[in-house]
Amino acid sequence: MPIATGLEREELAAELKGEKRFDMDPPVGPFGTKEAPAVIESYYNKRIVGCPGGEGEDEHDVVWFWLKKDEPHECPVCSQYFVK
């Protein structure tokens, strides 16, 4: 294994086992509502999230925003809710 520390080392070790340490695919799931928001995972306390809207007439250009831990966010265009 190459010389690495921290998260990079974890990622390389998982790769050697044929596993993925980090999910690089965009999250996919049902439209987030206030009662059942879309859950976005992150190692950090905040991350940048892009909302593409829902399907059909709810779809819109991607709106980017910071999603912070324990602070639900509502998309200003389609009203989809997100939590971290």
PDB file of N, CA and C in Angstrom:
ATOM      1  N   MET A   1       0.856  -1.178   0.000  1.00  0.00           N
ATOM      2  CA  MET A   1       0.000   0.000   0.000  1.00  0.00           C
ATOM      3  C   MET A   1       0.898   1.237   0.000  1.00  0.00           C
ATOM      4  N   PRO A   2       0.549   2.247  -0.803  1.00  0.00           N
ATOM      5  CA  PRO A   2       1.328   3.483  -0.798  1.00  0.00           C
ATOM      6  C   PRO A   2       1.251   4.152   0.573  1.00  0.00           C
ATOM      7  N   ILE A   3       2.184   5.039   0.821  1.00  0.00           N
ATOM      8  CA  ILE A   3       2.182   5.769   2.093  1.00  0.00           C
ATOM      9  C   ILE A   3       0.983   6.715   2.099  1.00  0.00           C
ATOM     10  N   ALA A   4       0.138   6.577   3.104  1.00  0.00           N
ATOM     11  CA  ALA A   4      -1.040   7.424   3.234  1.00  0.00           C
ATOM     12  C   ALA A   4      -1.477   7.424   4.695  1.00  0.00           C
ATOM     13  N   THR A   5      -2.197   8.470   5.085  1.00  0.00           N
ATOM     14  CA  THR A   5      -2.717   8.565   6.450  1.00  0.00           C
ATOM     15  C   THR A   5      -4.173   9.016   6.406  1.00  0.00           C
ATOM     16  N   GLY A   6      -4.835   8.904   7.534  1.00  0.00           N
ATOM     17  CA  GLY A   6      -6.192   9.420   7.691  1.00  0.00           C
ATOM     18  C   GLY A   6      -7.198   8.804   6.738  1.00  0.00           C
ATOM     19  N   LEU A   7      -8.063   9.668   6.198  1.00  0.00           N
ATOM     20  CA  LEU A   7      -9.137   9.206   5.322  1.00  0.00           C
ATOM     21  C   LEU A   7      -8.604   8.582   4.040  1.00  0.00           C
ATOM     22  N   GLU A   8      -7.489   9.114   3.532  1.00  0.00           N
ATOM     23  CA  GLU A   8      -6.911   8.532   2.315  1.00  0.00           C
ATOM     24  C   GLU A   8      -6.484   7.092   2.573  1.00  0.00           C
ATOM     25  N   ARG A   9      -5.896   6.839   3.742  1.00  0.00           N
ATOM     26  CA  ARG A   9      -5.469   5.478   4.084  1.00  0.00           C
ATOM     27  C   ARG A   9      -6.680   4.542   4.186  1.00  0.00           C
ATOM     28  N   GLU A  10      -7.751   5.021   4.834  1.00  0.00           N
ATOM     29  CA  GLU A  10      -8.982   4.223   4.944  1.00  0.00           C
ATOM     30  C   GLU A  10      -9.524   3.871   3.565  1.00  0.00           C
ATOM     31  N   GLU A  11      -9.512   4.849   2.668  1.00  0.00           N
ATOM     32  CA  GLU A  11     -10.027   4.624   1.321  1.00  0.00           C
ATOM     33  C   GLU A  11      -9.172   3.606   0.571  1.00  0.00           C
ATOM     34  N   LEU A  12      -7.847   3.717   0.672  1.00  0.00           N
ATOM     35  CA  LEU A  12      -6.951   2.777  -0.004  1.00  0.00           C
ATOM     36  C   LEU A  12      -7.087   1.368   0.568  1.00  0.00           C
ATOM     37  N   ALA A  13      -7.207   1.255   1.891  1.00  0.00           N
ATOM     38  CA  ALA A  13      -7.358  -0.058   2.523  1.00  0.00           C
ATOM     39  C   ALA A  13      -8.659  -0.725   2.069  1.00  0.00           C
ATOM     40  N   ALA A  14      -9.724   0.042   1.982  1.00  0.00           N
ATOM     41  CA  ALA A  14     -11.005  -0.499   1.524  1.00  0.00           C
ATOM     42  C   ALA A  14     -10.903  -0.938   0.065  1.00  0.00           C
ATOM     43  N   GLU A  15     -10.208  -0.143  -0.750  1.00  0.00           N
ATOM     44  CA  GLU A  15     -10.023  -0.488  -2.162  1.00  0.00           C
ATOM     45  C   GLU A  15      -9.319  -1.831  -2.318  1.00  0.00           C
ATOM     46  N   LEU A  16      -8.309  -2.073  -1.486  1.00  0.00           N
ATOM     47  CA  LEU A  16      -7.573  -3.334  -1.547  1.00  0.00           C
ATOM     48  C   LEU A  16      -8.471  -4.530  -1.221  1.00  0.00           C
ATOM     49  N   LYS A  17      -9.498  -4.300  -0.396  1.00  0.00           N
ATOM     50  CA  LYS A  17     -10.444  -5.364  -0.042  1.00  0.00           C
ATOM     51  C   LYS A  17     -11.595  -5.459  -1.042  1.00  0.00           C
ATOM     52  N   GLY A  18     -11.575  -4.581  -2.048  1.00  0.00           N
ATOM     53  CA  GLY A  18     -12.658  -4.569  -3.025  1.00  0.00           C
ATOM     54  C   GLY A  18     -13.905  -3.870  -2.522  1.00  0.00           C
ATOM     55  N   GLU A  19     -13.748  -3.023  -1.522  1.00  0.00           N
ATOM     56  CA  GLU A  19     -14.883  -2.299  -0.946  1.00  0.00           C
ATOM     57  C   GLU A  19     -14.782  -0.817  -1.287  1.00  0.00           C
ATOM     58  N   LYS A  20     -15.902  -0.101  -1.105  1.00  0.00           N
ATOM     59  CA  LYS A  20     -15.910   1.346  -1.284  1.00  0.00           C
ATOM     60  C   LYS A  20     -16.041   1.991   0.089  1.00  0.00           C
ATOM     61  N   ARG A  21     -15.090   2.824   0.465  1.00  0.00           N
ATOM     62  CA  ARG A  21     -15.145   3.521   1.754  1.00  0.00           C
ATOM     63  C   ARG A  21     -16.103   4.707   1.678  1.00  0.00           C
ATOM     64  N   PHE A  22     -16.093   5.370   0.536  1.00  0.00           N
ATOM     65  CA  PHE A  22     -16.928   6.551   0.361  1.00  0.00           C
ATOM     66  C   PHE A  22     -17.855   6.343  -0.827  1.00  0.00           C
ATOM     67  N   ASP A  23     -19.095   6.732  -0.679  1.00  0.00           N
ATOM     68  CA  ASP A  23     -20.072   6.622  -1.756  1.00  0.00           C
ATOM     69  C   ASP A  23     -19.966   7.872  -2.623  1.00  0.00           C
ATOM     70  N   MET A  24     -19.497   7.722  -3.840  1.00  0.00           N
ATOM     71  CA  MET A  24     -19.299   8.858  -4.736  1.00  0.00           C
ATOM     72  C   MET A  24     -20.517   9.122  -5.627  1.00  0.00           C
ATOM     73  N   ASP A  25     -21.512   8.246  -5.552  1.00  0.00           N
ATOM     74  CA  ASP A  25     -22.711   8.425  -6.366  1.00  0.00           C
ATOM     75  C   ASP A  25     -23.637   9.448  -5.709  1.00  0.00           C
ATOM     76  N   PRO A  26     -24.375  10.222  -6.520  1.00  0.00           N
ATOM     77  CA  PRO A  26     -25.304  11.177  -5.915  1.00  0.00           C
ATOM     78  C   PRO A  26     -26.411  10.441  -5.173  1.00  0.00           C
ATOM     79  N   PRO A  27     -26.893  11.005  -4.064  1.00  0.00           N
ATOM     80  CA  PRO A  27     -27.978  10.353  -3.333  1.00  0.00           C
ATOM     81  C   PRO A  27     -29.255  10.331  -4.177  1.00  0.00           C
ATOM     82  N   VAL A  28     -29.954   9.215  -4.125  1.00  0.00           N
ATOM     83  CA  VAL A  28     -31.197   9.059  -4.879  1.00  0.00           C
ATOM     84  C   VAL A  28     -32.260   8.555  -3.916  1.00  0.00           C
ATOM     85  N   GLY A  29     -33.427   9.139  -3.977  1.00  0.00           N
ATOM     86  CA  GLY A  29     -34.501   8.701  -3.098  1.00  0.00           C
ATOM     87  C   GLY A  29     -35.755   9.490  -3.376  1.00  0.00           C
ATOM     88  N   PRO A  30     -36.766   9.309  -2.549  1.00  0.00           N
ATOM     89  CA  PRO A  30     -38.020  10.032  -2.756  1.00  0.00           C
ATOM     90  C   PRO A  30     -37.849  11.526  -2.488  1.00  0.00           C
ATOM     91  N   PHE A  31     -38.766  12.310  -3.022  1.00  0.00           N
ATOM     92  CA  PHE A  31     -38.785  13.756  -2.826  1.00  0.00           C
ATOM     93  C   PHE A  31     -38.868  14.049  -1.332  1.00  0.00           C
ATOM     94  N   GLY A  32     -37.983  14.892  -0.823  1.00  0.00           N
ATOM     95  CA  GLY A  32     -37.957  15.203   0.602  1.00  0.00           C
ATOM     96  C   GLY A  32     -39.065  16.157   1.012  1.00  0.00           C
ATOM     97  N   THR A  33     -39.789  15.789   2.047  1.00  0.00           N
ATOM     98  CA  THR A  33     -40.849  16.642   2.588  1.00  0.00           C
ATOM     99  C   THR A  33     -40.460  17.061   4.004  1.00  0.00           C
ATOM    100  N   LYS A  34     -41.218  17.983   4.579  1.00  0.00           N
ATOM    101  CA  LYS A  34     -40.929  18.422   5.946  1.00  0.00           C
ATOM    102  C   LYS A  34     -41.030  17.252   6.918  1.00  0.00           C
ATOM    103  N   GLU A  35     -42.008  16.365   6.698  1.00  0.00           N
ATOM    104  CA  GLU A  35     -42.217  15.211   7.572  1.00  0.00           C
ATOM    105  C   GLU A  35     -41.213  14.092   7.296  1.00  0.00           C
ATOM    106  N   ALA A  36     -40.751  13.976   6.056  1.00  0.00           N
ATOM    107  CA  ALA A  36     -39.802  12.919   5.655  1.00  0.00           C
ATOM    108  C   ALA A  36     -38.751  13.521   4.720  1.00  0.00           C
ATOM    109  N   PRO A  37     -37.807  14.293   5.293  1.00  0.00           N
ATOM    110  CA  PRO A  37     -36.812  14.967   4.455  1.00  0.00           C
ATOM    111  C   PRO A  37     -35.822  14.001   3.806  1.00  0.00           C
ATOM    112  N   ALA A  38     -35.213  14.460   2.721  1.00  0.00           N
ATOM    113  CA  ALA A  38     -34.149  13.695   2.068  1.00  0.00           C
ATOM    114  C   ALA A  38     -32.923  13.759   2.980  1.00  0.00           C
ATOM    115  N   VAL A  39     -32.385  12.601   3.347  1.00  0.00           N
ATOM    116  CA  VAL A  39     -31.238  12.543   4.258  1.00  0.00           C
ATOM    117  C   VAL A  39     -29.955  12.496   3.434  1.00  0.00           C
ATOM    118  N   ILE A  40     -29.051  13.432   3.704  1.00  0.00           N
ATOM    119  CA  ILE A  40     -27.772  13.523   3.008  1.00  0.00           C
ATOM    120  C   ILE A  40     -26.672  13.184   4.004  1.00  0.00           C
ATOM    121  N   GLU A  41     -25.910  12.143   3.700  1.00  0.00           N
ATOM    122  CA  GLU A  41     -24.825  11.706   4.584  1.00  0.00           C
ATOM    123  C   GLU A  41     -23.553  12.505   4.304  1.00  0.00           C
ATOM    124  N   SER A  42     -22.753  12.713   5.336  1.00  0.00           N
ATOM    125  CA  SER A  42     -21.468  13.384   5.167  1.00  0.00           C
ATOM    126  C   SER A  42     -20.592  13.118   6.375  1.00  0.00           C
ATOM    127  N   TYR A  43     -19.309  13.052   6.143  1.00  0.00           N
ATOM    128  CA  TYR A  43     -18.327  12.892   7.207  1.00  0.00           C
ATOM    129  C   TYR A  43     -18.164  14.204   7.970  1.00  0.00           C
ATOM    130  N   TYR A  44     -18.426  15.317   7.284  1.00  0.00           N
ATOM    131  CA  TYR A  44     -18.216  16.649   7.854  1.00  0.00           C
ATOM    132  C   TYR A  44     -19.517  17.227   8.411  1.00  0.00           C
ATOM    133  N   ASN A  45     -19.412  18.347   9.143  1.00  0.00           N
ATOM    134  CA  ASN A  45     -20.582  18.983   9.750  1.00  0.00           C
ATOM    135  C   ASN A  45     -21.426  19.761   8.751  1.00  0.00           C
ATOM    136  N   LYS A  46     -20.859  20.030   7.570  1.00  0.00           N
ATOM    137  CA  LYS A  46     -21.630  20.691   6.525  1.00  0.00           C
ATOM    138  C   LYS A  46     -21.107  20.229   5.176  1.00  0.00           C
ATOM    139  N   ARG A  47     -21.957  20.343   4.155  1.00  0.00           N
ATOM    140  CA  ARG A  47     -21.529  19.989   2.801  1.00  0.00           C
ATOM    141  C   ARG A  47     -22.380  20.735   1.796  1.00  0.00           C
ATOM    142  N   ILE A  48     -21.854  20.870   0.595  1.00  0.00           N
ATOM    143  CA  ILE A  48     -22.590  21.526  -0.475  1.00  0.00           C
ATOM    144  C   ILE A  48     -23.509  20.492  -1.118  1.00  0.00           C
ATOM    145  N   VAL A  49     -24.770  20.874  -1.286  1.00  0.00           N
ATOM    146  CA  VAL A  49     -25.781  19.983  -1.861  1.00  0.00           C
ATOM    147  C   VAL A  49     -26.427  20.700  -3.044  1.00  0.00           C
ATOM    148  N   GLY A  50     -26.759  19.948  -4.075  1.00  0.00           N
ATOM    149  CA  GLY A  50     -27.472  20.499  -5.222  1.00  0.00           C
ATOM    150  C   GLY A  50     -28.850  19.878  -5.327  1.00  0.00           C
ATOM    151  N   CYS A  51     -29.876  20.702  -5.411  1.00  0.00           N
ATOM    152  CA  CYS A  51     -31.250  20.207  -5.546  1.00  0.00           C
ATOM    153  C   CYS A  51     -31.685  20.345  -7.006  1.00  0.00           C
ATOM    154  N   PRO A  52     -32.001  19.207  -7.669  1.00  0.00           N
ATOM    155  CA  PRO A  52     -32.480  19.261  -9.052  1.00  0.00           C
ATOM    156  C   PRO A  52     -34.004  19.340  -9.143  1.00  0.00           C
ATOM    157  N   GLY A  53     -34.663  19.400  -7.999  1.00  0.00           N
ATOM    158  CA  GLY A  53     -36.123  19.407  -7.984  1.00  0.00           C
ATOM    159  C   GLY A  53     -36.675  18.002  -8.046  1.00  0.00           C
ATOM    160  N   GLY A  54     -37.948  17.912  -8.265  1.00  0.00           N
ATOM    161  CA  GLY A  54     -38.593  16.603  -8.374  1.00  0.00           C
ATOM    162  C   GLY A  54     -38.700  16.190  -9.830  1.00  0.00           C
ATOM    163  N   GLU A  55     -39.695  15.393 -10.131  1.00  0.00           N
ATOM    164  CA  GLU A  55     -39.912  14.943 -11.506  1.00  0.00           C
ATOM    165  C   GLU A  55     -41.011  15.776 -12.153  1.00  0.00           C
ATOM    166  N   GLY A  56     -40.990  15.846 -13.468  1.00  0.00           N
ATOM    167  CA  GLY A  56     -42.034  16.566 -14.195  1.00  0.00           C
ATOM    168  C   GLY A  56     -41.952  18.058 -13.974  1.00  0.00           C
ATOM    169  N   GLU A  57     -43.081  18.661 -13.616  1.00  0.00           N
ATOM    170  CA  GLU A  57     -43.116  20.117 -13.475  1.00  0.00           C
ATOM    171  C   GLU A  57     -42.356  20.615 -12.246  1.00  0.00           C
ATOM    172  N   ASP A  58     -42.021  19.731 -11.304  1.00  0.00           N
ATOM    173  CA  ASP A  58     -41.230  20.128 -10.130  1.00  0.00           C
ATOM    174  C   ASP A  58     -39.733  20.191 -10.435  1.00  0.00           C
ATOM    175  N   GLU A  59     -39.321  19.657 -11.594  1.00  0.00           N
ATOM    176  CA  GLU A  59     -37.903  19.664 -11.958  1.00  0.00           C
ATOM    177  C   GLU A  59     -37.461  21.100 -12.262  1.00  0.00           C
ATOM    178  N   HIS A  60     -36.233  21.439 -11.847  1.00  0.00           N
ATOM    179  CA  HIS A  60     -35.698  22.781 -12.105  1.00  0.00           C
ATOM    180  C   HIS A  60     -34.186  22.696 -12.254  1.00  0.00           C
ATOM    181  N   ASP A  61     -33.563  23.802 -12.653  1.00  0.00           N
ATOM    182  CA  ASP A  61     -32.105  23.841 -12.710  1.00  0.00           C
ATOM    183  C   ASP A  61     -31.569  23.586 -11.311  1.00  0.00           C
ATOM    184  N   VAL A  62     -30.378  23.039 -11.224  1.00  0.00           N
ATOM    185  CA  VAL A  62     -29.805  22.696  -9.918  1.00  0.00           C
ATOM    186  C   VAL A  62     -29.591  23.961  -9.085  1.00  0.00           C
ATOM    187  N   VAL A  63     -30.076  23.923  -7.857  1.00  0.00           N
ATOM    188  CA  VAL A  63     -29.884  25.000  -6.887  1.00  0.00           C
ATOM    189  C   VAL A  63     -28.890  24.480  -5.858  1.00  0.00           C
ATOM    190  N   TRP A  64     -27.759  25.169  -5.702  1.00  0.00           N
ATOM    191  CA  TRP A  64     -26.702  24.737  -4.780  1.00  0.00           C
ATOM    192  C   TRP A  64     -26.827  25.475  -3.456  1.00  0.00           C
ATOM    193  N   PHE A  65     -26.560  24.773  -2.345  1.00  0.00           N
ATOM    194  CA  PHE A  65     -26.622  25.398  -1.019  1.00  0.00           C
ATOM    195  C   PHE A  65     -25.767  24.604  -0.037  1.00  0.00           C
ATOM    196  N   TRP A  66     -25.429  25.251   1.070  1.00  0.00           N
ATOM    197  CA  TRP A  66     -24.719  24.569   2.162  1.00  0.00           C
ATOM    198  C   TRP A  66     -25.754  23.892   3.043  1.00  0.00           C
ATOM    199  N   LEU A  67     -25.568  22.608   3.320  1.00  0.00           N
ATOM    200  CA  LEU A  67     -26.433  21.871   4.241  1.00  0.00           C
ATOM    201  C   LEU A  67     -25.622  21.605   5.494  1.00  0.00           C
ATOM    202  N   LYS A  68     -26.092  22.138   6.626  1.00  0.00           N
ATOM    203  CA  LYS A  68     -25.367  21.998   7.891  1.00  0.00           C
ATOM    204  C   LYS A  68     -26.046  20.968   8.786  1.00  0.00           C
ATOM    205  N   LYS A  69     -25.236  20.302   9.591  1.00  0.00           N
ATOM    206  CA  LYS A  69     -25.737  19.278  10.509  1.00  0.00           C
ATOM    207  C   LYS A  69     -26.799  19.871  11.434  1.00  0.00           C
ATOM    208  N   ASP A  70     -27.889  19.149  11.607  1.00  0.00           N
ATOM    209  CA  ASP A  70     -28.994  19.523  12.498  1.00  0.00           C
ATOM    210  C   ASP A  70     -29.701  20.818  12.093  1.00  0.00           C
ATOM    211  N   GLU A  71     -29.550  21.239  10.820  1.00  0.00           N
ATOM    212  CA  GLU A  71     -30.253  22.418  10.315  1.00  0.00           C
ATOM    213  C   GLU A  71     -30.975  22.040   9.021  1.00  0.00           C
ATOM    214  N   PRO A  72     -32.253  21.645   9.108  1.00  0.00           N
ATOM    215  CA  PRO A  72     -32.994  21.291   7.896  1.00  0.00           C
ATOM    216  C   PRO A  72     -32.976  22.454   6.900  1.00  0.00           C
ATOM    217  N   HIS A  73     -32.981  22.124   5.619  1.00  0.00           N
ATOM    218  CA  HIS A  73     -32.968  23.153   4.580  1.00  0.00           C
ATOM    219  C   HIS A  73     -34.104  22.888   3.599  1.00  0.00           C
ATOM    220  N   GLU A  74     -34.815  23.944   3.230  1.00  0.00           N
ATOM    221  CA  GLU A  74     -35.889  23.840   2.246  1.00  0.00           C
ATOM    222  C   GLU A  74     -35.436  24.512   0.956  1.00  0.00           C
ATOM    223  N   CYS A  75     -35.529  23.792  -0.159  1.00  0.00           N
ATOM    224  CA  CYS A  75     -35.178  24.367  -1.459  1.00  0.00           C
ATOM    225  C   CYS A  75     -36.134  25.526  -1.741  1.00  0.00           C
ATOM    226  N   PRO A  76     -35.602  26.710  -2.086  1.00  0.00           N
ATOM    227  CA  PRO A  76     -36.470  27.864  -2.330  1.00  0.00           C
ATOM    228  C   PRO A  76     -37.283  27.756  -3.625  1.00  0.00           C
ATOM    229  N   VAL A  77     -36.931  26.813  -4.506  1.00  0.00           N
ATOM    230  CA  VAL A  77     -37.636  26.684  -5.781  1.00  0.00           C
ATOM    231  C   VAL A  77     -38.755  25.647  -5.714  1.00  0.00           C
ATOM    232  N   CYS A  78     -38.450  24.445  -5.201  1.00  0.00           N
ATOM    233  CA  CYS A  78     -39.439  23.348  -5.234  1.00  0.00           C
ATOM    234  C   CYS A  78     -39.938  22.925  -3.852  1.00  0.00           C
ATOM    235  N   SER A  79     -39.401  23.518  -2.782  1.00  0.00           N
ATOM    236  CA  SER A  79     -39.795  23.231  -1.397  1.00  0.00           C
ATOM    237  C   SER A  79     -39.418  21.832  -0.925  1.00  0.00           C
ATOM    238  N   GLN A  80     -38.432  21.204  -1.579  1.00  0.00           N
ATOM    239  CA  GLN A  80     -37.947  19.908  -1.102  1.00  0.00           C
ATOM    240  C   GLN A  80     -37.108  20.144   0.161  1.00  0.00           C
ATOM    241  N   TYR A  81     -37.266  19.255   1.151  1.00  0.00           N
ATOM    242  CA  TYR A  81     -36.536  19.376   2.412  1.00  0.00           C
ATOM    243  C   TYR A  81     -35.354  18.420   2.454  1.00  0.00           C
ATOM    244  N   PHE A  82     -34.259  18.894   3.051  1.00  0.00           N
ATOM    245  CA  PHE A  82     -33.042  18.105   3.214  1.00  0.00           C
ATOM    246  C   PHE A  82     -32.566  18.206   4.657  1.00  0.00           C
ATOM    247  N   VAL A  83     -31.983  17.126   5.169  1.00  0.00           N
ATOM    248  CA  VAL A  83     -31.332  17.142   6.484  1.00  0.00           C
ATOM    249  C   VAL A  83     -30.019  16.390   6.379  1.00  0.00           C
ATOM    250  N   LYS A  84     -29.119  16.708   7.285  1.00  0.00           N
ATOM    251  CA  LYS A  84     -27.830  16.036   7.348  1.00  0.00           C
ATOM    252  C   LYS A  84     -27.681  15.421   8.710  1.00  0.00           C
TER     253      LYS A  84
END
